[in-house]
């Protein structure tokens, strides 16, 4: 299953996502830990399904969008499953700059 955390067009991702993948042979279903400084307590946890994580990240980004904010404090996700290798990655903000113009810049 693929999850796309870009919940709005343009700038739907409003904060970095610090992700660690951990291989665990014993798990039949992926389990997740999600935390973050600005994440509401009811959206975080240490034994969450991927569906619950997706919902929490989506709601967090929607709230930031409603407030008109981007933040630099990441959400921290630990993904444990039997089908991943141990990996660490940080997913940063995706900002669509295609409509911005720099003075003197020519567009094709």
N, C-alpha and C. Protein backbone atom coordinates (compact mmCIF):
# COMPACT_ATOMS: atom_id res chain seq x y z
N UNK A 1 0.84 -1.16 0.00
CA UNK A 1 0.00 0.00 0.00
C UNK A 1 0.89 1.24 0.00
N UNK A 2 0.58 2.23 -0.81
CA UNK A 2 1.35 3.47 -0.91
C UNK A 2 0.52 4.59 -0.30
N UNK A 3 1.15 5.36 0.54
CA UNK A 3 0.49 6.51 1.16
C UNK A 3 1.10 7.78 0.61
N UNK A 4 0.27 8.72 0.21
CA UNK A 4 0.71 10.00 -0.28
C UNK A 4 0.29 11.05 0.74
N UNK A 5 1.26 11.67 1.40
CA UNK A 5 0.96 12.61 2.47
C UNK A 5 0.75 14.03 1.98
N UNK A 6 0.79 14.26 0.66
CA UNK A 6 0.51 15.59 0.14
C UNK A 6 -1.00 15.75 0.07
N UNK A 7 -1.56 16.42 1.03
CA UNK A 7 -3.01 16.46 1.17
C UNK A 7 -3.66 17.64 0.46
N UNK A 8 -2.88 18.59 0.03
CA UNK A 8 -3.40 19.76 -0.67
C UNK A 8 -2.57 19.98 -1.92
N UNK A 9 -3.13 20.64 -2.89
CA UNK A 9 -2.33 20.95 -4.07
C UNK A 9 -1.34 22.04 -3.72
N UNK A 10 -0.19 21.99 -4.34
CA UNK A 10 0.83 23.01 -4.14
C UNK A 10 1.68 22.77 -2.92
N UNK A 11 1.23 23.21 -1.76
CA UNK A 11 2.04 23.13 -0.55
C UNK A 11 1.30 22.40 0.56
N UNK A 12 0.85 21.19 0.30
CA UNK A 12 0.10 20.43 1.28
C UNK A 12 0.93 19.89 2.42
N UNK A 13 2.21 19.66 2.21
CA UNK A 13 3.09 19.18 3.27
C UNK A 13 3.63 20.40 3.99
N UNK A 14 3.30 20.53 5.25
CA UNK A 14 3.62 21.73 6.00
C UNK A 14 4.73 21.57 7.02
N UNK A 15 5.30 20.34 7.15
CA UNK A 15 6.41 20.13 8.07
C UNK A 15 7.21 18.91 7.61
N UNK A 16 8.49 18.84 8.02
CA UNK A 16 9.29 17.66 7.65
C UNK A 16 8.76 16.39 8.31
N UNK A 17 9.02 15.26 7.68
CA UNK A 17 8.67 13.96 8.23
C UNK A 17 9.95 13.16 8.39
N UNK A 18 10.37 12.96 9.61
CA UNK A 18 11.60 12.24 9.97
C UNK A 18 11.21 10.77 10.13
N UNK A 19 11.68 9.93 9.23
CA UNK A 19 11.20 8.55 9.15
C UNK A 19 12.32 7.54 9.37
N UNK A 20 12.05 6.55 10.20
CA UNK A 20 12.96 5.43 10.39
C UNK A 20 12.19 4.15 10.10
N UNK A 21 12.73 3.31 9.23
CA UNK A 21 12.14 2.00 8.94
C UNK A 21 12.95 0.95 9.67
N UNK A 22 12.26 0.03 10.34
CA UNK A 22 12.91 -1.02 11.12
C UNK A 22 12.36 -2.37 10.67
N UNK A 23 13.26 -3.29 10.30
CA UNK A 23 12.84 -4.64 9.91
C UNK A 23 12.60 -5.47 11.16
N UNK A 24 11.40 -6.07 11.24
CA UNK A 24 11.07 -6.99 12.33
C UNK A 24 10.36 -8.20 11.74
N UNK A 25 11.04 -9.34 11.78
CA UNK A 25 10.51 -10.58 11.20
C UNK A 25 9.18 -11.01 11.78
N UNK A 26 8.95 -10.75 13.06
CA UNK A 26 7.77 -11.27 13.76
C UNK A 26 6.47 -10.57 13.41
N UNK A 27 6.54 -9.40 12.79
CA UNK A 27 5.31 -8.65 12.52
C UNK A 27 4.59 -9.15 11.27
N UNK A 28 3.30 -9.36 11.40
CA UNK A 28 2.50 -9.72 10.22
C UNK A 28 1.87 -8.48 9.60
N UNK A 29 1.64 -7.45 10.40
CA UNK A 29 1.13 -6.15 9.93
C UNK A 29 2.09 -5.06 10.40
N UNK A 30 2.32 -4.06 9.57
CA UNK A 30 3.19 -2.96 9.99
C UNK A 30 2.64 -2.26 11.23
N UNK A 31 3.54 -1.82 12.08
CA UNK A 31 3.18 -1.03 13.27
C UNK A 31 4.03 0.23 13.27
N UNK A 32 3.49 1.31 13.80
CA UNK A 32 4.15 2.60 13.72
C UNK A 32 4.16 3.32 15.06
N UNK A 33 5.17 4.18 15.20
CA UNK A 33 5.24 5.14 16.30
C UNK A 33 5.22 6.50 15.64
N UNK A 34 4.40 7.41 16.13
CA UNK A 34 4.32 8.75 15.58
C UNK A 34 4.34 9.76 16.71
N UNK A 35 5.22 10.76 16.59
CA UNK A 35 5.30 11.82 17.59
C UNK A 35 5.73 13.11 16.91
N UNK A 36 5.59 14.19 17.61
CA UNK A 36 6.01 15.49 17.09
C UNK A 36 5.66 16.58 18.07
N UNK A 37 6.50 17.60 18.12
CA UNK A 37 6.33 18.68 19.08
C UNK A 37 4.97 19.37 18.95
N UNK A 38 4.50 19.57 17.71
CA UNK A 38 3.21 20.25 17.51
C UNK A 38 2.08 19.29 17.16
N UNK A 39 2.32 18.00 17.27
CA UNK A 39 1.29 17.01 16.98
C UNK A 39 0.38 16.86 18.20
N UNK A 40 -0.92 16.94 17.98
CA UNK A 40 -1.87 16.77 19.09
C UNK A 40 -1.68 15.40 19.73
N UNK A 41 -1.83 15.34 21.06
CA UNK A 41 -1.60 14.10 21.81
C UNK A 41 -2.45 12.94 21.30
N UNK A 42 -3.71 13.21 20.92
CA UNK A 42 -4.59 12.13 20.46
C UNK A 42 -4.18 11.61 19.08
N UNK A 43 -3.28 12.30 18.38
CA UNK A 43 -2.82 11.86 17.06
C UNK A 43 -1.50 11.09 17.12
N UNK A 44 -0.86 11.06 18.28
CA UNK A 44 0.42 10.38 18.39
C UNK A 44 0.25 9.06 19.13
N UNK A 45 1.26 8.21 19.03
CA UNK A 45 1.20 6.92 19.72
C UNK A 45 2.39 6.06 19.39
N UNK A 46 2.53 4.96 20.12
CA UNK A 46 3.67 4.07 19.89
C UNK A 46 3.27 2.69 19.37
N UNK A 47 2.00 2.49 19.04
CA UNK A 47 1.55 1.22 18.46
C UNK A 47 0.37 1.51 17.53
N UNK A 48 0.66 2.22 16.44
CA UNK A 48 -0.40 2.68 15.53
C UNK A 48 -0.36 1.90 14.22
N UNK A 49 -1.52 1.80 13.58
CA UNK A 49 -1.58 1.23 12.24
C UNK A 49 -1.15 2.30 11.25
N UNK A 50 -0.82 1.89 10.04
CA UNK A 50 -0.44 2.85 9.01
C UNK A 50 -1.62 3.74 8.65
N UNK A 51 -2.83 3.20 8.67
CA UNK A 51 -4.02 4.01 8.40
C UNK A 51 -4.17 5.12 9.44
N UNK A 52 -3.93 4.81 10.71
CA UNK A 52 -4.02 5.82 11.76
C UNK A 52 -2.94 6.88 11.59
N UNK A 53 -1.74 6.47 11.19
CA UNK A 53 -0.65 7.42 10.95
C UNK A 53 -1.01 8.34 9.78
N UNK A 54 -1.51 7.75 8.70
CA UNK A 54 -1.90 8.56 7.54
C UNK A 54 -2.94 9.60 7.94
N UNK A 55 -3.94 9.19 8.70
CA UNK A 55 -4.99 10.12 9.13
C UNK A 55 -4.40 11.23 10.01
N UNK A 56 -3.51 10.88 10.93
CA UNK A 56 -2.91 11.87 11.83
C UNK A 56 -2.06 12.88 11.06
N UNK A 57 -1.24 12.41 10.13
CA UNK A 57 -0.39 13.31 9.35
C UNK A 57 -1.24 14.21 8.46
N UNK A 58 -2.27 13.65 7.85
CA UNK A 58 -3.17 14.42 7.01
C UNK A 58 -3.85 15.52 7.81
N UNK A 59 -4.40 15.18 8.98
CA UNK A 59 -5.08 16.17 9.82
C UNK A 59 -4.11 17.24 10.31
N UNK A 60 -2.89 16.84 10.66
CA UNK A 60 -1.87 17.79 11.11
C UNK A 60 -1.56 18.80 10.00
N UNK A 61 -1.36 18.32 8.77
CA UNK A 61 -1.07 19.21 7.65
C UNK A 61 -2.26 20.12 7.33
N UNK A 62 -3.48 19.59 7.43
CA UNK A 62 -4.66 20.41 7.20
C UNK A 62 -4.76 21.53 8.22
N UNK A 63 -4.48 21.21 9.49
CA UNK A 63 -4.54 22.23 10.54
C UNK A 63 -3.51 23.33 10.28
N UNK A 64 -2.29 22.94 9.93
CA UNK A 64 -1.27 23.94 9.63
C UNK A 64 -1.66 24.79 8.43
N UNK A 65 -2.27 24.18 7.42
CA UNK A 65 -2.71 24.93 6.24
C UNK A 65 -3.80 25.94 6.61
N UNK A 66 -4.73 25.52 7.45
CA UNK A 66 -5.79 26.43 7.89
C UNK A 66 -5.23 27.62 8.65
N UNK A 67 -4.12 27.38 9.37
CA UNK A 67 -3.46 28.45 10.12
C UNK A 67 -2.50 29.25 9.23
N UNK A 68 -2.30 28.80 7.99
CA UNK A 68 -1.39 29.47 7.07
C UNK A 68 0.07 29.36 7.47
N UNK A 69 0.43 28.22 8.10
CA UNK A 69 1.79 28.07 8.63
C UNK A 69 2.54 26.90 8.00
N UNK A 70 3.86 27.04 7.95
CA UNK A 70 4.80 25.95 7.72
C UNK A 70 5.65 25.89 8.98
N UNK A 71 6.08 24.69 9.38
CA UNK A 71 6.93 24.59 10.57
C UNK A 71 8.17 23.77 10.24
N UNK A 72 9.22 23.99 11.00
CA UNK A 72 10.47 23.25 10.78
C UNK A 72 10.61 22.07 11.73
N UNK A 73 9.80 22.00 12.79
CA UNK A 73 9.86 20.86 13.71
C UNK A 73 9.24 19.65 13.02
N UNK A 74 9.98 18.55 12.91
CA UNK A 74 9.46 17.40 12.17
C UNK A 74 8.46 16.57 12.96
N UNK A 75 7.66 15.82 12.21
CA UNK A 75 6.94 14.70 12.79
C UNK A 75 7.92 13.54 12.75
N UNK A 76 7.91 12.70 13.76
CA UNK A 76 8.83 11.57 13.85
C UNK A 76 8.05 10.28 13.69
N UNK A 77 8.38 9.53 12.65
CA UNK A 77 7.69 8.28 12.34
C UNK A 77 8.67 7.12 12.38
N UNK A 78 8.35 6.12 13.16
CA UNK A 78 9.10 4.85 13.14
C UNK A 78 8.16 3.81 12.58
N UNK A 79 8.56 3.23 11.44
CA UNK A 79 7.75 2.24 10.72
C UNK A 79 8.41 0.88 10.91
N UNK A 80 7.70 -0.06 11.53
CA UNK A 80 8.23 -1.41 11.78
C UNK A 80 7.42 -2.41 10.95
N UNK A 81 8.15 -3.22 10.17
CA UNK A 81 7.47 -4.21 9.33
C UNK A 81 8.45 -5.31 8.95
N UNK A 82 7.90 -6.42 8.43
CA UNK A 82 8.76 -7.53 8.03
C UNK A 82 9.21 -7.42 6.57
N UNK A 83 8.77 -6.37 5.87
CA UNK A 83 9.12 -6.25 4.45
C UNK A 83 9.97 -5.03 4.14
N UNK A 84 10.66 -4.50 5.15
CA UNK A 84 11.53 -3.34 4.92
C UNK A 84 12.93 -3.62 5.45
N UNK A 85 13.90 -2.89 4.89
CA UNK A 85 15.24 -2.90 5.43
C UNK A 85 15.35 -1.71 6.37
N UNK A 86 16.31 -1.78 7.27
CA UNK A 86 16.50 -0.65 8.18
C UNK A 86 16.95 0.56 7.37
N UNK A 87 16.21 1.65 7.47
CA UNK A 87 16.48 2.87 6.71
C UNK A 87 16.11 4.08 7.57
N UNK A 88 16.76 5.18 7.24
CA UNK A 88 16.46 6.45 7.88
C UNK A 88 16.36 7.51 6.80
N UNK A 89 15.32 8.33 6.84
CA UNK A 89 15.15 9.38 5.83
C UNK A 89 14.39 10.54 6.44
N UNK A 90 14.65 11.71 5.90
CA UNK A 90 13.87 12.89 6.27
C UNK A 90 13.22 13.41 5.01
N UNK A 91 11.92 13.50 5.03
CA UNK A 91 11.16 14.05 3.91
C UNK A 91 10.86 15.50 4.23
N UNK A 92 11.32 16.38 3.38
CA UNK A 92 11.17 17.81 3.65
C UNK A 92 9.97 18.38 2.93
N UNK A 93 9.72 19.63 3.16
CA UNK A 93 8.57 20.31 2.58
C UNK A 93 8.64 20.28 1.06
N UNK A 94 7.52 20.06 0.45
CA UNK A 94 7.42 20.14 -1.00
C UNK A 94 6.65 21.42 -1.31
N UNK A 95 7.38 22.38 -1.82
CA UNK A 95 6.76 23.66 -2.14
C UNK A 95 6.80 23.85 -3.65
N UNK A 96 5.66 24.07 -4.22
CA UNK A 96 5.55 24.30 -5.67
C UNK A 96 5.88 25.75 -5.96
N UNK A 97 7.03 25.98 -6.55
CA UNK A 97 7.49 27.34 -6.84
C UNK A 97 7.24 27.72 -8.29
N UNK A 98 6.47 26.94 -9.01
CA UNK A 98 6.29 27.18 -10.44
C UNK A 98 5.59 28.50 -10.73
N UNK A 99 4.85 29.05 -9.79
CA UNK A 99 4.15 30.31 -10.03
C UNK A 99 4.89 31.52 -9.47
N UNK A 100 6.04 31.29 -8.84
CA UNK A 100 6.82 32.41 -8.31
C UNK A 100 7.72 32.98 -9.39
N UNK A 101 7.92 34.25 -9.36
CA UNK A 101 8.80 34.90 -10.33
C UNK A 101 9.89 35.66 -9.58
N UNK A 102 11.10 35.51 -10.07
CA UNK A 102 12.23 36.28 -9.55
C UNK A 102 12.44 37.45 -10.50
N UNK A 103 12.63 38.66 -9.98
CA UNK A 103 12.83 39.80 -10.87
C UNK A 103 13.95 39.52 -11.86
N UNK A 104 13.70 39.79 -13.12
CA UNK A 104 14.69 39.59 -14.18
C UNK A 104 14.76 38.17 -14.72
N UNK A 105 13.99 37.24 -14.12
CA UNK A 105 14.02 35.85 -14.57
C UNK A 105 13.13 35.68 -15.81
N UNK A 106 13.67 35.03 -16.82
CA UNK A 106 12.89 34.77 -18.02
C UNK A 106 12.34 33.36 -17.98
N UNK A 107 11.09 33.20 -18.39
CA UNK A 107 10.46 31.88 -18.45
C UNK A 107 10.42 31.42 -19.88
N UNK A 108 10.60 30.14 -20.08
CA UNK A 108 10.50 29.56 -21.43
C UNK A 108 9.07 29.42 -21.84
